[in-house]
N, C-alpha and C. Protein backbone atom coordinates (compact mmCIF):
# COMPACT_ATOMS: atom_id res chain seq x y z
N MET A 1 23.26 -12.87 -16.95
CA MET A 1 23.14 -12.14 -16.04
C MET A 1 21.90 -11.08 -16.20
N ASN A 2 21.27 -10.90 -15.01
CA ASN A 2 19.84 -10.03 -15.20
C ASN A 2 20.23 -8.64 -15.03
N LYS A 3 19.23 -7.81 -15.15
CA LYS A 3 19.51 -6.26 -15.38
C LYS A 3 19.80 -5.70 -14.17
N ARG A 4 19.24 -6.16 -12.88
CA ARG A 4 19.56 -5.64 -11.55
C ARG A 4 21.03 -5.91 -11.23
N THR A 5 21.37 -7.17 -11.54
CA THR A 5 22.85 -7.59 -11.20
C THR A 5 23.82 -6.59 -11.95
N LYS A 6 23.64 -6.24 -13.31
CA LYS A 6 24.33 -5.56 -14.18
C LYS A 6 24.48 -4.23 -13.57
N ARG A 7 23.37 -3.66 -13.16
CA ARG A 7 23.44 -2.21 -12.59
C ARG A 7 24.11 -2.11 -11.26
N LEU A 8 24.14 -3.05 -10.55
CA LEU A 8 24.80 -3.22 -9.27
C LEU A 8 26.25 -3.43 -9.53
N LEU A 9 26.78 -4.04 -10.51
CA LEU A 9 28.21 -4.15 -10.83
C LEU A 9 28.56 -2.99 -11.44
N LEU A 10 27.91 -2.23 -12.32
CA LEU A 10 28.16 -1.05 -12.81
C LEU A 10 28.37 0.07 -11.66
N ALA A 11 27.31 -0.01 -10.94
CA ALA A 11 27.55 0.98 -9.70
C ALA A 11 28.71 0.80 -8.81
N THR A 12 28.94 -0.44 -8.67
CA THR A 12 30.28 -0.84 -7.52
C THR A 12 31.41 -0.42 -8.31
N ALA A 13 31.51 -0.47 -9.56
CA ALA A 13 32.78 -0.32 -10.39
C ALA A 13 33.01 1.33 -10.57
N ALA A 14 31.77 1.98 -10.85
CA ALA A 14 32.06 3.45 -11.05
C ALA A 14 32.31 4.17 -9.90
N LEU A 15 31.41 4.03 -8.83
CA LEU A 15 31.63 4.57 -7.49
C LEU A 15 32.43 3.74 -6.39
N GLY A 16 32.90 2.75 -6.60
CA GLY A 16 33.58 2.17 -5.38
C GLY A 16 32.71 1.77 -4.29
N LEU A 17 33.31 0.92 -3.43
CA LEU A 17 32.33 0.49 -2.30
C LEU A 17 31.74 1.56 -1.47
N GLY A 18 32.53 2.85 -1.41
CA GLY A 18 32.10 3.71 -0.35
C GLY A 18 30.82 4.54 -0.70
N GLY A 19 30.60 4.57 -2.11
CA GLY A 19 29.18 5.45 -2.65
C GLY A 19 28.12 4.43 -3.01
N LEU A 20 28.60 3.24 -2.81
CA LEU A 20 27.51 2.26 -3.02
C LEU A 20 26.08 2.48 -2.60
N GLY A 21 25.96 2.77 -1.22
CA GLY A 21 24.73 2.96 -0.69
C GLY A 21 23.89 4.01 -1.18
N ALA A 22 23.71 5.04 -1.12
CA ALA A 22 23.06 5.91 -1.89
C ALA A 22 22.92 5.83 -3.44
N ALA A 23 24.04 5.94 -4.17
CA ALA A 23 23.87 5.49 -5.60
C ALA A 23 23.23 4.34 -5.98
N GLY A 24 23.86 3.21 -5.29
CA GLY A 24 23.29 1.96 -5.64
C GLY A 24 21.85 1.96 -5.50
N THR A 25 21.30 2.58 -4.49
CA THR A 25 19.95 2.50 -4.25
C THR A 25 19.34 3.24 -5.43
N PHE A 26 19.66 4.11 -5.90
CA PHE A 26 19.26 5.07 -6.84
C PHE A 26 19.34 4.16 -8.23
N LEU A 27 20.29 3.64 -8.47
CA LEU A 27 20.51 2.80 -9.67
C LEU A 27 19.50 1.71 -9.81
N LEU A 28 19.42 1.01 -8.57
CA LEU A 28 18.52 -0.21 -8.54
C LEU A 28 16.95 0.08 -8.54
N ARG A 29 16.70 1.21 -8.36
CA ARG A 29 15.41 1.49 -8.29
C ARG A 29 14.67 1.24 -9.58
N LYS A 30 13.51 1.19 -9.58
CA LYS A 30 12.74 0.83 -10.88
C LYS A 30 12.52 2.17 -11.55
N LYS A 31 12.92 2.37 -12.68
CA LYS A 31 12.65 3.60 -13.31
C LYS A 31 11.18 3.67 -13.76
N GLU A 32 10.66 4.49 -13.21
CA GLU A 32 9.31 4.98 -13.40
C GLU A 32 9.07 6.54 -13.35
N GLY A 33 8.07 7.20 -13.85
CA GLY A 33 7.94 8.61 -13.90
C GLY A 33 7.13 8.94 -12.77
N ARG A 34 7.27 10.23 -12.34
CA ARG A 34 6.53 10.76 -11.25
C ARG A 34 4.76 10.62 -11.41
N VAL A 35 4.34 10.70 -12.82
CA VAL A 35 3.04 10.55 -13.10
C VAL A 35 2.47 9.09 -12.81
N GLN A 36 3.60 8.38 -13.04
CA GLN A 36 3.08 6.79 -12.80
C GLN A 36 3.02 6.45 -11.39
N ARG A 37 3.92 7.10 -10.61
CA ARG A 37 3.81 6.80 -9.15
C ARG A 37 2.58 7.16 -8.67
N LYS A 38 2.31 8.62 -9.09
CA LYS A 38 1.04 9.04 -8.57
C LYS A 38 -0.14 8.35 -8.93
N ALA A 39 -0.34 7.77 -10.13
CA ALA A 39 -1.32 6.98 -10.67
C ALA A 39 -1.51 5.67 -10.02
N ARG A 40 -0.55 5.06 -9.55
CA ARG A 40 -0.36 3.88 -8.82
C ARG A 40 -0.92 4.03 -7.48
N ALA A 41 -0.52 5.16 -6.76
CA ALA A 41 -0.99 5.64 -5.47
C ALA A 41 -2.46 5.92 -5.46
N ARG A 42 -2.86 6.48 -6.49
CA ARG A 42 -4.31 6.75 -6.61
C ARG A 42 -5.09 5.56 -6.90
N ARG A 43 -4.60 4.44 -7.56
CA ARG A 43 -5.32 3.25 -7.62
C ARG A 43 -5.33 2.55 -6.52
N ALA A 44 -4.32 2.74 -5.59
CA ALA A 44 -4.13 1.95 -4.37
C ALA A 44 -5.10 2.46 -3.29
N LYS A 45 -5.26 3.71 -3.41
CA LYS A 45 -6.31 4.69 -2.47
C LYS A 45 -7.75 4.20 -2.94
N VAL A 46 -7.98 4.16 -4.34
CA VAL A 46 -9.32 3.49 -4.67
C VAL A 46 -9.68 2.15 -4.02
N MET A 47 -8.66 1.30 -4.10
CA MET A 47 -8.79 -0.07 -3.76
C MET A 47 -8.83 -0.43 -2.28
N ASP A 48 -8.47 0.74 -1.40
CA ASP A 48 -8.53 0.71 0.03
C ASP A 48 -9.86 1.29 0.52
N GLN A 49 -10.85 1.67 -0.32
CA GLN A 49 -12.01 2.18 0.41
C GLN A 49 -12.94 1.14 0.96
N TRP A 50 -13.46 1.51 2.07
CA TRP A 50 -14.21 0.70 2.84
C TRP A 50 -15.78 0.48 2.31
N ALA A 51 -16.16 1.09 1.70
CA ALA A 51 -17.49 1.03 0.93
C ALA A 51 -17.48 1.39 -0.55
N ARG A 52 -18.21 0.98 -1.19
CA ARG A 52 -18.48 1.34 -2.77
C ARG A 52 -19.86 1.45 -2.95
N PRO A 53 -20.15 2.23 -3.92
CA PRO A 53 -21.49 2.58 -4.43
C PRO A 53 -22.21 1.17 -4.81
N GLY A 54 -23.43 1.11 -4.05
CA GLY A 54 -24.30 -0.09 -4.44
C GLY A 54 -24.12 -1.29 -3.32
N MET A 55 -23.14 -1.10 -2.52
CA MET A 55 -22.93 -2.07 -1.27
C MET A 55 -24.04 -1.89 -0.26
N ARG A 56 -24.15 -3.03 0.43
CA ARG A 56 -25.05 -2.80 1.53
C ARG A 56 -24.30 -2.56 2.90
N VAL A 57 -24.69 -1.84 3.80
CA VAL A 57 -24.08 -1.65 4.89
C VAL A 57 -25.21 -1.58 6.07
N THR A 58 -24.88 -2.02 7.20
CA THR A 58 -25.50 -2.19 8.33
C THR A 58 -25.13 -1.36 9.63
N PHE A 59 -26.16 -0.65 10.13
CA PHE A 59 -25.83 0.33 11.31
C PHE A 59 -25.72 -0.53 12.26
N ARG A 60 -24.74 -0.20 13.23
CA ARG A 60 -24.56 -0.80 14.59
C ARG A 60 -25.82 -0.55 15.31
N ALA A 61 -26.17 -1.64 16.21
CA ALA A 61 -27.30 -1.71 16.83
C ALA A 61 -27.39 -0.48 17.98
N GLU A 62 -26.21 -0.14 18.61
CA GLU A 62 -26.24 1.04 19.36
C GLU A 62 -26.78 2.31 18.85
N LEU A 63 -26.72 2.45 17.52
CA LEU A 63 -27.20 3.75 16.99
C LEU A 63 -28.70 3.44 16.65
N MET A 64 -29.17 2.28 16.63
CA MET A 64 -30.67 2.30 16.33
C MET A 64 -31.36 1.22 17.07
N PRO A 65 -31.40 1.68 18.49
CA PRO A 65 -31.89 0.50 19.20
C PRO A 65 -33.56 0.23 18.96
N GLY A 66 -33.75 -0.98 19.08
CA GLY A 66 -35.13 -1.32 18.93
C GLY A 66 -35.62 -1.56 17.62
N ARG A 67 -34.46 -1.70 16.73
CA ARG A 67 -34.58 -2.06 15.22
C ARG A 67 -34.09 -3.28 15.03
N ASP A 68 -34.80 -4.26 14.24
CA ASP A 68 -33.91 -5.62 13.83
C ASP A 68 -32.93 -5.32 12.77
N SER A 69 -32.02 -6.18 12.75
CA SER A 69 -30.87 -5.99 11.85
C SER A 69 -31.32 -5.65 10.32
N SER A 70 -32.49 -6.33 9.95
CA SER A 70 -32.85 -6.06 8.58
C SER A 70 -33.46 -4.73 8.38
N GLU A 71 -33.83 -3.92 9.43
CA GLU A 71 -34.21 -2.58 9.15
C GLU A 71 -33.07 -1.80 9.21
N ARG A 72 -32.02 -2.10 9.63
CA ARG A 72 -30.86 -1.30 9.74
C ARG A 72 -30.00 -1.45 8.67
N VAL A 73 -30.20 -2.07 7.56
CA VAL A 73 -29.48 -2.22 6.29
C VAL A 73 -29.94 -1.34 5.25
N PHE A 74 -28.83 -0.57 4.66
CA PHE A 74 -29.07 0.42 3.67
C PHE A 74 -28.15 0.37 2.64
N ARG A 75 -28.41 0.88 1.54
CA ARG A 75 -27.45 0.65 0.19
C ARG A 75 -26.69 2.05 0.25
N VAL A 76 -25.38 1.96 -0.07
CA VAL A 76 -24.57 3.01 -0.20
C VAL A 76 -24.93 3.89 -1.57
N ALA A 77 -25.29 5.14 -1.54
CA ALA A 77 -25.37 5.73 -2.99
C ALA A 77 -24.37 6.42 -3.63
N GLU A 78 -23.34 7.10 -2.74
CA GLU A 78 -22.16 7.75 -3.15
C GLU A 78 -21.13 7.59 -1.89
N VAL A 79 -19.94 7.57 -2.42
CA VAL A 79 -18.74 7.58 -1.60
C VAL A 79 -18.09 8.99 -1.83
N LEU A 80 -18.04 9.71 -0.79
CA LEU A 80 -17.43 10.96 -0.88
C LEU A 80 -15.88 11.17 -0.63
N PRO A 81 -15.08 12.15 -1.14
CA PRO A 81 -13.73 12.02 -1.16
C PRO A 81 -13.17 12.09 0.33
N SER A 82 -13.79 12.57 1.22
CA SER A 82 -13.45 12.29 2.61
C SER A 82 -13.63 11.09 3.51
N GLY A 83 -14.12 10.15 2.47
CA GLY A 83 -14.12 8.61 3.20
C GLY A 83 -15.55 8.49 3.67
N ARG A 84 -16.49 9.50 3.76
CA ARG A 84 -17.72 9.34 4.14
C ARG A 84 -18.67 9.05 3.22
N ILE A 85 -19.79 8.39 3.63
CA ILE A 85 -20.89 7.89 2.26
C ILE A 85 -22.18 8.74 2.60
N ARG A 86 -22.74 8.70 1.45
CA ARG A 86 -24.36 8.93 1.55
C ARG A 86 -25.24 7.48 1.37
N LEU A 87 -26.32 7.54 1.69
CA LEU A 87 -27.13 6.15 1.82
C LEU A 87 -28.39 6.70 1.00
N GLU A 88 -28.87 5.41 0.16
CA GLU A 88 -30.05 5.67 -0.52
C GLU A 88 -31.32 5.50 0.58
N GLY A 89 -32.21 6.44 0.69
CA GLY A 89 -33.44 6.45 1.62
C GLY A 89 -32.85 6.74 3.09
N PHE A 90 -31.83 7.33 3.16
CA PHE A 90 -31.40 7.74 4.74
C PHE A 90 -30.64 9.21 4.60
N ALA A 91 -30.98 10.11 5.22
CA ALA A 91 -30.19 11.61 5.09
C ALA A 91 -29.09 11.43 5.88
N GLY A 92 -28.14 12.54 5.17
CA GLY A 92 -27.02 12.62 5.82
C GLY A 92 -25.82 11.94 5.37
N GLU A 93 -24.49 12.38 5.98
CA GLU A 93 -23.18 11.60 5.51
C GLU A 93 -22.86 10.81 6.64
N HIS A 94 -22.41 9.65 6.70
CA HIS A 94 -22.10 8.67 7.62
C HIS A 94 -20.69 8.43 7.33
N MET A 95 -19.90 7.86 8.47
CA MET A 95 -18.58 7.42 8.48
C MET A 95 -18.54 6.01 8.93
N GLU A 96 -17.38 5.17 8.66
CA GLU A 96 -17.33 3.70 8.82
C GLU A 96 -17.49 3.30 9.92
N LYS A 97 -17.11 3.99 11.22
CA LYS A 97 -17.45 3.40 12.68
C LYS A 97 -18.95 3.39 13.13
N GLU A 98 -19.63 3.85 12.16
CA GLU A 98 -21.05 3.97 12.61
C GLU A 98 -21.89 2.71 12.07
N PHE A 99 -21.04 1.78 11.31
CA PHE A 99 -21.80 0.55 10.78
C PHE A 99 -20.98 -0.92 11.43
N GLU A 100 -21.59 -1.82 11.28
CA GLU A 100 -21.20 -2.95 11.71
C GLU A 100 -19.77 -3.61 10.62
N ALA A 101 -18.87 -4.11 11.25
CA ALA A 101 -17.60 -4.66 10.49
C ALA A 101 -18.21 -5.70 9.40
N LEU A 102 -17.65 -5.73 8.42
CA LEU A 102 -17.75 -6.65 7.41
C LEU A 102 -17.31 -8.15 7.81
N ARG A 103 -18.09 -9.18 7.54
CA ARG A 103 -17.62 -10.43 7.95
C ARG A 103 -17.07 -11.11 6.79
């Protein structure tokens, strides 16, 4: 019998079928500390970034009319906590919707 099944049977026996809802959920939940949950959430947030330092991004044509696509490509220098980025060789902070979607 696996560990989850044992916990379920223990919860059923100890609390009866009426209290199985909330208590069963609590017992079946994987035991991990608050610090571990926060660390996992932080890692997930890092993985969800739309740009990373060193990555090449291309400005949308509407923002730089008259320039060829090769002239609109810049390299990401820094990703800010707000989700905006700074570019190498181009002033200011920029956000995701200013760039073409990744293919």
